[in-house]
Amino acid sequence: APPELPGTEDPRRLASLALATARRMSSARPRFSLELFKFATYLSIPIAMTVAFAANPENLETIIKRHAYVVYPPEGPKPPTNAEMKKIVEANRKKRKV
């Protein structure tokens, strides 16, 4: 058998403990408004930011340009095309034969 809690032998004492527990649980009611506020904030901030950037894409471009975390080096020379590569190979073959 499970151990008895102190003060639960008397039915009236048990009822008063149950009432006290119910009162403590009902005191959680004021926290509901805090949780509602946090949930509303959690949803509204990303939605507001999305609307702000979707309505005016220049805002997003400005922020991206201002915070350029990756700076790419300038573009180097392009590799030779297939036709140019064939000419280079032929020129190298002629140099070897001579």
N, C-alpha and C. Protein backbone atom coordinates (compact mmCIF):
# COMPACT_ATOMS: atom_id res chain seq x y z
N ALA A 1 0.84 -1.19 0.00
CA ALA A 1 0.00 0.00 0.00
C ALA A 1 0.88 1.25 0.00
N PRO A 2 0.46 2.30 -0.71
CA PRO A 2 1.26 3.53 -0.73
C PRO A 2 1.28 4.19 0.64
N PRO A 3 2.36 4.87 0.97
CA PRO A 3 2.41 5.52 2.28
C PRO A 3 1.40 6.64 2.36
N GLU A 4 0.84 6.83 3.53
CA GLU A 4 -0.16 7.89 3.74
C GLU A 4 0.54 9.23 3.93
N LEU A 5 -0.05 10.26 3.40
CA LEU A 5 0.47 11.60 3.61
C LEU A 5 0.07 12.06 5.00
N PRO A 6 0.91 12.83 5.66
CA PRO A 6 0.53 13.30 7.01
C PRO A 6 -0.70 14.20 6.92
N GLY A 7 -1.62 13.99 7.80
CA GLY A 7 -2.84 14.80 7.86
C GLY A 7 -3.95 14.31 6.98
N THR A 8 -3.81 13.13 6.34
CA THR A 8 -4.87 12.63 5.46
C THR A 8 -5.73 11.57 6.14
N GLU A 9 -5.47 11.33 7.41
CA GLU A 9 -6.29 10.34 8.11
C GLU A 9 -7.71 10.87 8.31
N ASP A 10 -7.83 12.13 8.57
CA ASP A 10 -9.13 12.76 8.83
C ASP A 10 -9.74 13.22 7.50
N PRO A 11 -10.98 12.81 7.18
CA PRO A 11 -11.60 13.23 5.91
C PRO A 11 -11.72 14.74 5.77
N ARG A 12 -11.99 15.44 6.91
CA ARG A 12 -12.11 16.90 6.82
C ARG A 12 -10.76 17.53 6.50
N ARG A 13 -9.70 16.97 7.06
CA ARG A 13 -8.35 17.47 6.77
C ARG A 13 -8.01 17.22 5.31
N LEU A 14 -8.41 16.06 4.79
CA LEU A 14 -8.17 15.74 3.39
C LEU A 14 -8.90 16.72 2.48
N ALA A 15 -10.13 17.07 2.84
CA ALA A 15 -10.90 18.03 2.05
C ALA A 15 -10.24 19.41 2.07
N SER A 16 -9.72 19.81 3.23
CA SER A 16 -9.07 21.12 3.30
C SER A 16 -7.77 21.14 2.50
N LEU A 17 -7.03 20.01 2.47
CA LEU A 17 -5.82 19.93 1.65
C LEU A 17 -6.18 20.02 0.16
N ALA A 18 -7.27 19.35 -0.23
CA ALA A 18 -7.70 19.41 -1.62
C ALA A 18 -8.11 20.82 -2.00
N LEU A 19 -8.80 21.51 -1.09
CA LEU A 19 -9.22 22.89 -1.35
C LEU A 19 -8.00 23.81 -1.47
N ALA A 20 -7.01 23.62 -0.60
CA ALA A 20 -5.80 24.44 -0.66
C ALA A 20 -5.05 24.19 -1.96
N THR A 21 -5.00 22.94 -2.39
CA THR A 21 -4.33 22.62 -3.64
C THR A 21 -5.07 23.26 -4.82
N ALA A 22 -6.39 23.22 -4.80
CA ALA A 22 -7.18 23.84 -5.86
C ALA A 22 -6.96 25.34 -5.90
N ARG A 23 -6.84 25.96 -4.74
CA ARG A 23 -6.59 27.40 -4.71
C ARG A 23 -5.22 27.74 -5.30
N ARG A 24 -4.23 26.91 -4.96
CA ARG A 24 -2.90 27.14 -5.51
C ARG A 24 -2.90 26.99 -7.03
N MET A 25 -3.65 26.02 -7.51
CA MET A 25 -3.71 25.80 -8.95
C MET A 25 -4.44 26.95 -9.64
N SER A 26 -5.46 27.51 -8.98
CA SER A 26 -6.18 28.62 -9.60
C SER A 26 -5.36 29.89 -9.58
N SER A 27 -4.31 29.96 -8.74
CA SER A 27 -3.46 31.15 -8.74
C SER A 27 -2.60 31.20 -10.00
N ALA A 28 -2.59 30.13 -10.78
CA ALA A 28 -1.85 30.14 -12.04
C ALA A 28 -2.59 30.94 -13.11
N ARG A 29 -3.79 31.33 -12.86
CA ARG A 29 -4.60 32.08 -13.82
C ARG A 29 -3.95 33.40 -14.26
N PRO A 30 -3.38 34.20 -13.35
CA PRO A 30 -2.75 35.44 -13.81
C PRO A 30 -1.57 35.20 -14.76
N ARG A 31 -0.92 34.06 -14.67
CA ARG A 31 0.20 33.76 -15.57
C ARG A 31 -0.27 33.52 -17.00
N PHE A 32 -1.55 33.23 -17.17
CA PHE A 32 -2.08 32.99 -18.51
C PHE A 32 -1.89 34.22 -19.38
N SER A 33 -2.11 35.40 -18.83
CA SER A 33 -1.96 36.62 -19.62
C SER A 33 -0.49 36.82 -20.04
N LEU A 34 0.45 36.46 -19.16
CA LEU A 34 1.86 36.56 -19.50
C LEU A 34 2.20 35.59 -20.64
N GLU A 35 1.71 34.37 -20.53
CA GLU A 35 1.96 33.39 -21.58
C GLU A 35 1.33 33.83 -22.90
N LEU A 36 0.16 34.41 -22.83
CA LEU A 36 -0.50 34.91 -24.03
C LEU A 36 0.31 36.04 -24.67
N PHE A 37 0.84 36.93 -23.84
CA PHE A 37 1.68 38.02 -24.34
C PHE A 37 2.94 37.47 -25.01
N LYS A 38 3.59 36.50 -24.38
CA LYS A 38 4.81 35.93 -24.95
C LYS A 38 4.51 35.22 -26.27
N PHE A 39 3.40 34.50 -26.33
CA PHE A 39 3.04 33.80 -27.56
C PHE A 39 2.74 34.80 -28.67
N ALA A 40 2.00 35.86 -28.35
CA ALA A 40 1.68 36.88 -29.35
C ALA A 40 2.96 37.56 -29.86
N THR A 41 3.88 37.82 -28.97
CA THR A 41 5.15 38.43 -29.37
C THR A 41 5.94 37.48 -30.26
N TYR A 42 5.96 36.21 -29.87
CA TYR A 42 6.69 35.20 -30.62
C TYR A 42 6.16 35.09 -32.05
N LEU A 43 4.88 35.27 -32.23
CA LEU A 43 4.30 35.20 -33.57
C LEU A 43 4.39 36.52 -34.33
N SER A 44 4.13 37.62 -33.64
CA SER A 44 4.00 38.90 -34.34
C SER A 44 5.32 39.46 -34.84
N ILE A 45 6.41 39.27 -34.11
CA ILE A 45 7.69 39.86 -34.55
C ILE A 45 8.16 39.27 -35.88
N PRO A 46 8.20 37.95 -36.05
CA PRO A 46 8.62 37.44 -37.37
C PRO A 46 7.67 37.83 -38.49
N ILE A 47 6.38 37.87 -38.19
CA ILE A 47 5.41 38.26 -39.23
C ILE A 47 5.63 39.73 -39.61
N ALA A 48 5.83 40.58 -38.61
CA ALA A 48 6.06 42.01 -38.90
C ALA A 48 7.35 42.22 -39.70
N MET A 49 8.39 41.48 -39.36
CA MET A 49 9.65 41.62 -40.10
C MET A 49 9.49 41.13 -41.54
N THR A 50 8.75 40.05 -41.72
CA THR A 50 8.52 39.54 -43.07
C THR A 50 7.75 40.55 -43.90
N VAL A 51 6.71 41.13 -43.32
CA VAL A 51 5.92 42.12 -44.05
C VAL A 51 6.77 43.34 -44.37
N ALA A 52 7.62 43.76 -43.45
CA ALA A 52 8.45 44.95 -43.67
C ALA A 52 9.40 44.74 -44.85
N PHE A 53 9.96 43.54 -44.96
CA PHE A 53 10.90 43.30 -46.05
C PHE A 53 10.20 42.90 -47.34
N ALA A 54 9.07 42.23 -47.25
CA ALA A 54 8.36 41.81 -48.46
C ALA A 54 7.70 43.00 -49.15
N ALA A 55 7.27 43.98 -48.36
CA ALA A 55 6.61 45.15 -48.93
C ALA A 55 7.60 46.03 -49.69
N ASN A 56 8.85 46.07 -49.24
CA ASN A 56 9.85 46.91 -49.88
C ASN A 56 11.18 46.15 -49.94
N PRO A 57 11.44 45.44 -51.03
CA PRO A 57 12.65 44.62 -51.13
C PRO A 57 13.95 45.44 -51.05
N GLU A 58 13.87 46.74 -51.31
CA GLU A 58 15.08 47.56 -51.19
C GLU A 58 15.60 47.59 -49.77
N ASN A 59 14.68 47.47 -48.78
CA ASN A 59 15.12 47.40 -47.38
C ASN A 59 16.04 46.21 -47.17
N LEU A 60 15.65 45.08 -47.69
CA LEU A 60 16.44 43.86 -47.53
C LEU A 60 17.79 44.00 -48.24
N GLU A 61 17.78 44.56 -49.43
CA GLU A 61 19.04 44.77 -50.16
C GLU A 61 19.98 45.69 -49.39
N THR A 62 19.43 46.75 -48.81
CA THR A 62 20.24 47.69 -48.04
C THR A 62 20.89 47.00 -46.85
N ILE A 63 20.14 46.18 -46.15
CA ILE A 63 20.68 45.49 -44.98
C ILE A 63 21.74 44.48 -45.41
N ILE A 64 21.50 43.77 -46.49
CA ILE A 64 22.47 42.79 -46.96
C ILE A 64 23.77 43.48 -47.37
N LYS A 65 23.67 44.60 -48.06
CA LYS A 65 24.87 45.32 -48.48
C LYS A 65 25.62 45.91 -47.28
N ARG A 66 24.88 46.38 -46.28
CA ARG A 66 25.50 46.98 -45.10
C ARG A 66 26.25 45.93 -44.28
N HIS A 67 25.73 44.73 -44.22
CA HIS A 67 26.34 43.67 -43.42
C HIS A 67 26.89 42.57 -44.33
N ALA A 68 27.84 42.92 -45.16
CA ALA A 68 28.42 41.95 -46.08
C ALA A 68 29.43 41.10 -45.31
N TYR A 69 28.99 39.93 -44.88
CA TYR A 69 29.86 39.06 -44.10
C TYR A 69 30.87 38.34 -45.00
N VAL A 70 30.48 38.02 -46.22
CA VAL A 70 31.36 37.33 -47.14
C VAL A 70 31.75 38.31 -48.24
N VAL A 71 33.03 38.58 -48.34
CA VAL A 71 33.52 39.47 -49.39
C VAL A 71 34.27 38.60 -50.39
N TYR A 72 33.72 38.49 -51.57
CA TYR A 72 34.32 37.64 -52.58
C TYR A 72 35.43 38.40 -53.31
N PRO A 73 36.50 37.69 -53.70
CA PRO A 73 37.57 38.37 -54.44
C PRO A 73 37.09 38.73 -55.83
N PRO A 74 37.80 39.65 -56.49
CA PRO A 74 37.38 40.01 -57.85
C PRO A 74 37.50 38.79 -58.78
N GLU A 75 36.69 38.80 -59.81
CA GLU A 75 36.66 37.67 -60.74
C GLU A 75 37.96 37.61 -61.53
N GLY A 76 38.52 36.40 -61.61
CA GLY A 76 39.77 36.19 -62.33
C GLY A 76 39.50 35.92 -63.80
N PRO A 77 40.57 35.60 -64.53
CA PRO A 77 40.39 35.32 -65.97
C PRO A 77 39.56 34.05 -66.16
N LYS A 78 38.78 34.05 -67.21
CA LYS A 78 37.93 32.88 -67.49
C LYS A 78 38.77 31.78 -68.12
N PRO A 79 38.44 30.53 -67.85
CA PRO A 79 39.19 29.43 -68.47
C PRO A 79 38.93 29.39 -69.97
N PRO A 80 39.85 28.82 -70.71
CA PRO A 80 39.68 28.78 -72.18
C PRO A 80 38.50 27.89 -72.58
N THR A 81 37.90 28.23 -73.70
CA THR A 81 36.80 27.43 -74.22
C THR A 81 37.37 26.15 -74.84
N ASN A 82 36.49 25.25 -75.27
CA ASN A 82 36.95 23.99 -75.88
C ASN A 82 37.78 24.25 -77.14
N ALA A 83 37.33 25.17 -77.96
CA ALA A 83 38.06 25.46 -79.21
C ALA A 83 39.44 26.04 -78.89
N GLU A 84 39.50 26.96 -77.93
CA GLU A 84 40.79 27.55 -77.56
C GLU A 84 41.71 26.49 -76.96
N MET A 85 41.15 25.58 -76.17
CA MET A 85 41.94 24.53 -75.55
C MET A 85 42.53 23.59 -76.59
N LYS A 86 41.75 23.29 -77.64
CA LYS A 86 42.26 22.44 -78.72
C LYS A 86 43.43 23.12 -79.43
N LYS A 87 43.33 24.45 -79.64
CA LYS A 87 44.43 25.18 -80.28
C LYS A 87 45.68 25.14 -79.42
N ILE A 88 45.52 25.29 -78.11
CA ILE A 88 46.66 25.26 -77.19
C ILE A 88 47.32 23.88 -77.21
N VAL A 89 46.52 22.82 -77.20
CA VAL A 89 47.06 21.46 -77.22
C VAL A 89 47.81 21.22 -78.52
N GLU A 90 47.25 21.65 -79.66
CA GLU A 90 47.91 21.48 -80.95
C GLU A 90 49.22 22.25 -81.00
N ALA A 91 49.22 23.46 -80.45
CA ALA A 91 50.45 24.26 -80.43
C ALA A 91 51.52 23.57 -79.59
N ASN A 92 51.13 22.97 -78.46
CA ASN A 92 52.09 22.25 -77.61
C ASN A 92 52.61 21.01 -78.31
N ARG A 93 51.79 20.32 -79.05
CA ARG A 93 52.23 19.12 -79.80
C ARG A 93 53.25 19.50 -80.88
N LYS A 94 52.97 20.64 -81.56
CA LYS A 94 53.90 21.09 -82.61
C LYS A 94 55.25 21.46 -82.01
N LYS A 95 55.25 22.07 -80.80
CA LYS A 95 56.50 22.46 -80.15
C LYS A 95 57.31 21.21 -79.79
N ARG A 96 56.65 20.15 -79.38
CA ARG A 96 57.34 18.92 -78.98
C ARG A 96 57.97 18.22 -80.19
N LYS A 97 57.26 18.27 -81.34
CA LYS A 97 57.75 17.59 -82.53
C LYS A 97 58.94 18.33 -83.13
N VAL A 98 59.02 19.60 -82.95
CA VAL A 98 60.09 20.41 -83.57
C VAL A 98 61.37 20.29 -82.84
